[in-house]
C-alpha atoms as a PDB file:
ATOM      1  CA  MET A   1     -20.857 -32.382   2.974  1.00  0.00           C
ATOM      2  CA  PRO A   2     -19.094 -33.408   6.194  1.00  0.00           C
ATOM      3  CA  ARG A   3     -19.881 -31.626   9.419  1.00  0.00           C
ATOM      4  CA  THR A   4     -17.159 -29.779  11.295  1.00  0.00           C
ATOM      5  CA  SER A   5     -15.843 -31.516  14.369  1.00  0.00           C
ATOM      6  CA  GLY A   6     -16.592 -28.581  16.665  1.00  0.00           C
ATOM      7  CA  SER A   7     -17.254 -24.883  16.860  1.00  0.00           C
ATOM      8  CA  ASP A   8     -13.540 -24.102  17.030  1.00  0.00           C
ATOM      9  CA  TYR A   9     -12.657 -26.205  13.976  1.00  0.00           C
ATOM     10  CA  ALA A  10     -11.183 -23.443  11.801  1.00  0.00           C
ATOM     11  CA  SER A  11     -10.611 -20.788  14.423  1.00  0.00           C
ATOM     12  CA  VAL A  12      -7.258 -19.160  15.013  1.00  0.00           C
ATOM     13  CA  LYS A  13      -6.124 -18.869  18.610  1.00  0.00           C
ATOM     14  CA  GLN A  14      -4.629 -15.505  19.553  1.00  0.00           C
ATOM     15  CA  ASP A  15      -3.450 -14.155  22.847  1.00  0.00           C
ATOM     16  CA  ARG A  16      -5.521 -11.355  24.331  1.00  0.00           C
ATOM     17  CA  PRO A  17      -4.015  -7.952  23.540  1.00  0.00           C
ATOM     18  CA  ALA A  18      -1.848  -6.600  26.320  1.00  0.00           C
ATOM     19  CA  PRO A  19      -1.642  -2.822  25.897  1.00  0.00           C
ATOM     20  CA  LYS A  20       1.536  -1.209  27.116  1.00  0.00           C
ATOM     21  CA  HIS A  21       1.081   1.736  29.432  1.00  0.00           C
ATOM     22  CA  TRP A  22       3.590   4.455  30.137  1.00  0.00           C
ATOM     23  CA  GLU A  23       4.328   5.472  33.687  1.00  0.00           C
ATOM     24  CA  VAL A  24       4.190   9.199  34.453  1.00  0.00           C
ATOM     25  CA  SER A  25       7.931   9.154  35.189  1.00  0.00           C
ATOM     26  CA  GLU A  26       8.588   7.663  31.727  1.00  0.00           C
ATOM     27  CA  LEU A  27       6.464  10.356  30.032  1.00  0.00           C
ATOM     28  CA  ARG A  28       8.313  13.066  31.950  1.00  0.00           C
ATOM     29  CA  ARG A  29      11.669  11.644  30.870  1.00  0.00           C
ATOM     30  CA  VAL A  30      10.627  11.549  27.191  1.00  0.00           C
ATOM     31  CA  TRP A  31       9.081  15.033  27.456  1.00  0.00           C
ATOM     32  CA  LYS A  32      12.310  16.460  28.842  1.00  0.00           C
ATOM     33  CA  LEU A  33      14.308  15.127  25.862  1.00  0.00           C
ATOM     34  CA  ALA A  34      11.665  15.742  23.161  1.00  0.00           C
ATOM     35  CA  SER A  35      11.825  18.376  20.430  1.00  0.00           C
ATOM     36  CA  GLN A  36       8.962  20.882  20.070  1.00  0.00           C
ATOM     37  CA  GLU A  37       7.629  18.772  17.213  1.00  0.00           C
ATOM     38  CA  LEU A  38       7.532  15.587  19.300  1.00  0.00           C
ATOM     39  CA  ARG A  39       6.062  17.474  22.261  1.00  0.00           C
ATOM     40  CA  LEU A  40       3.227  18.689  20.047  1.00  0.00           C
ATOM     41  CA  TYR A  41       2.487  15.135  18.889  1.00  0.00           C
ATOM     42  CA  MET A  42       2.579  13.911  22.487  1.00  0.00           C
ATOM     43  CA  LEU A  43       0.193  16.678  23.561  1.00  0.00           C
ATOM     44  CA  GLN A  44      -2.244  15.886  20.765  1.00  0.00           C
ATOM     45  CA  GLY A  45      -2.172  12.224  21.732  1.00  0.00           C
ATOM     46  CA  LEU A  46      -2.720  12.978  25.416  1.00  0.00           C
ATOM     47  CA  ASN A  47      -5.096  15.940  24.962  1.00  0.00           C
ATOM     48  CA  CYS A  48      -7.246  14.533  22.135  1.00  0.00           C
ATOM     49  CA  GLY A  49      -6.384  10.832  21.906  1.00  0.00           C
ATOM     50  CA  TYR A  50      -4.987  11.399  18.416  1.00  0.00           C
ATOM     51  CA  THR A  51      -2.966   8.936  16.392  1.00  0.00           C
ATOM     52  CA  LEU A  52      -0.563   9.943  13.620  1.00  0.00           C
ATOM     53  CA  ALA A  53      -3.403   9.647  11.108  1.00  0.00           C
ATOM     54  CA  ASP A  54      -5.513  12.104  13.134  1.00  0.00           C
ATOM     55  CA  ILE A  55      -2.604  14.533  13.523  1.00  0.00           C
ATOM     56  CA  GLY A  56      -1.601  14.258   9.861  1.00  0.00           C
ATOM     57  CA  THR A  57      -5.122  14.921   8.550  1.00  0.00           C
ATOM     58  CA  LEU A  58      -5.887  17.857  10.850  1.00  0.00           C
ATOM     59  CA  GLN A  59      -6.794  20.915   8.775  1.00  0.00           C
ATOM     60  CA  HIS A  60      -6.863  24.653   9.497  1.00  0.00           C
ATOM     61  CA  GLU A  61     -10.655  24.717   9.390  1.00  0.00           C
ATOM     62  CA  HIS A  62     -10.802  22.158  12.219  1.00  0.00           C
ATOM     63  CA  VAL A  63      -9.037  24.354  14.774  1.00  0.00           C
ATOM     64  CA  ASP A  64     -10.523  27.438  16.400  1.00  0.00           C
ATOM     65  CA  PHE A  65      -7.562  29.101  18.095  1.00  0.00           C
ATOM     66  CA  GLU A  66      -9.751  31.796  19.669  1.00  0.00           C
ATOM     67  CA  LYS A  67     -11.983  29.276  21.477  1.00  0.00           C
ATOM     68  CA  GLY A  68      -9.203  26.713  21.883  1.00  0.00           C
ATOM     69  CA  ILE A  69     -11.111  23.808  20.350  1.00  0.00           C
ATOM     70  CA  VAL A  70     -10.749  21.246  17.590  1.00  0.00           C
ATOM     71  CA  GLN A  71     -13.971  20.266  15.858  1.00  0.00           C
ATOM     72  CA  ARG A  72     -13.798  17.560  13.212  1.00  0.00           C
ATOM     73  CA  SER A  73     -14.806  14.048  12.267  1.00  0.00           C
ATOM     74  CA  ARG A  74     -12.403  11.373  13.453  1.00  0.00           C
ATOM     75  CA  HIS A  75     -10.284  10.102  10.591  1.00  0.00           C
ATOM     76  CA  LYS A  76     -10.832   6.388  11.192  1.00  0.00           C
ATOM     77  CA  THR A  77     -14.495   6.338  12.219  1.00  0.00           C
ATOM     78  CA  SER A  78     -15.893   9.586  10.746  1.00  0.00           C
ATOM     79  CA  ILE A  79     -17.590  10.220  14.093  1.00  0.00           C
ATOM     80  CA  PRO A  80     -17.859  13.969  14.841  1.00  0.00           C
ATOM     81  CA  GLN A  81     -15.852  15.102  17.855  1.00  0.00           C
ATOM     82  CA  VAL A  82     -14.922  18.269  19.702  1.00  0.00           C
ATOM     83  CA  HIS A  83     -11.836  18.674  21.890  1.00  0.00           C
ATOM     84  CA  ARG A  84     -10.977  21.552  24.181  1.00  0.00           C
ATOM     85  CA  LEU A  85      -7.268  22.138  23.779  1.00  0.00           C
ATOM     86  CA  TRP A  86      -4.868  22.659  26.643  1.00  0.00           C
ATOM     87  CA  PRO A  87      -2.957  25.974  26.602  1.00  0.00           C
ATOM     88  CA  GLU A  88       0.307  24.093  25.901  1.00  0.00           C
ATOM     89  CA  THR A  89      -1.272  22.353  22.897  1.00  0.00           C
ATOM     90  CA  ILE A  90      -2.568  25.655  21.475  1.00  0.00           C
ATOM     91  CA  GLU A  91       0.815  27.327  21.941  1.00  0.00           C
ATOM     92  CA  LEU A  92       2.712  24.602  20.066  1.00  0.00           C
ATOM     93  CA  LEU A  93       0.056  24.322  17.341  1.00  0.00           C
ATOM     94  CA  LYS A  94       0.402  28.055  16.680  1.00  0.00           C
ATOM     95  CA  LYS A  95       4.189  27.726  16.438  1.00  0.00           C
ATOM     96  CA  ARG A  96       4.147  24.696  14.122  1.00  0.00           C
ATOM     97  CA  LYS A  97       1.096  25.344  11.905  1.00  0.00           C
ATOM     98  CA  THR A  98       1.407  25.808   8.161  1.00  0.00           C
ATOM     99  CA  LYS A  99       0.132  28.791   6.202  1.00  0.00           C
ATOM    100  CA  ALA A 100      -3.657  29.074   6.100  1.00  0.00           C
ATOM    101  CA  ALA A 101      -3.629  28.403   2.346  1.00  0.00           C
ATOM    102  CA  ASP A 102      -2.344  24.866   2.946  1.00  0.00           C
ATOM    103  CA  ASP A 103      -4.903  22.120   3.498  1.00  0.00           C
ATOM    104  CA  VAL A 104      -3.224  20.339   6.388  1.00  0.00           C
ATOM    105  CA  LEU A 105      -2.362  22.141   9.593  1.00  0.00           C
ATOM    106  CA  LEU A 106       0.969  20.411  10.226  1.00  0.00           C
ATOM    107  CA  LEU A 107       3.815  19.263   8.015  1.00  0.00           C
ATOM    108  CA  SER A 108       7.107  17.587   8.836  1.00  0.00           C
ATOM    109  CA  ARG A 109      10.255  19.667   9.279  1.00  0.00           C
ATOM    110  CA  LYS A 110      11.073  18.894   5.639  1.00  0.00           C
ATOM    111  CA  GLY A 111       7.659  20.127   4.494  1.00  0.00           C
ATOM    112  CA  ASP A 112       6.201  16.684   3.812  1.00  0.00           C
ATOM    113  CA  VAL A 113       2.726  15.556   4.848  1.00  0.00           C
ATOM    114  CA  LEU A 114       2.766  13.597   8.105  1.00  0.00           C
ATOM    115  CA  TRP A 115       0.392  10.863   7.003  1.00  0.00           C
ATOM    116  CA  GLN A 116      -0.831   9.340   3.760  1.00  0.00           C
ATOM    117  CA  PRO A 117      -3.341   6.513   3.398  1.00  0.00           C
ATOM    118  CA  SER A 118      -1.717   3.224   2.469  1.00  0.00           C
ATOM    119  CA  ALA A 119      -2.328   2.017  -1.060  1.00  0.00           C
END
């Protein structure tokens, strides 16, 4: 069997990721124009570092409104985590939450789940 010509023989060259960061002025501009629904998603992202998958899989049992905390395992990694919620986040969660009988805490305006695993 022939030897490879070097350690990078079959490697794929990719540029280093360059994350895009929002300036505070940009966030304020979006916040000013955002609906309550979008503001809640922004707050969960900023307050807890949540992605849409985390927001869409949040359940009633994960949130303690009295203590103002979310306690759950992260969707992607299954690592347990606890977040203290900001007053603004709690206020919007209370306004947008589904009935306690539902599994997920938040649904879209049309009543659909926010996130489903891809097939």
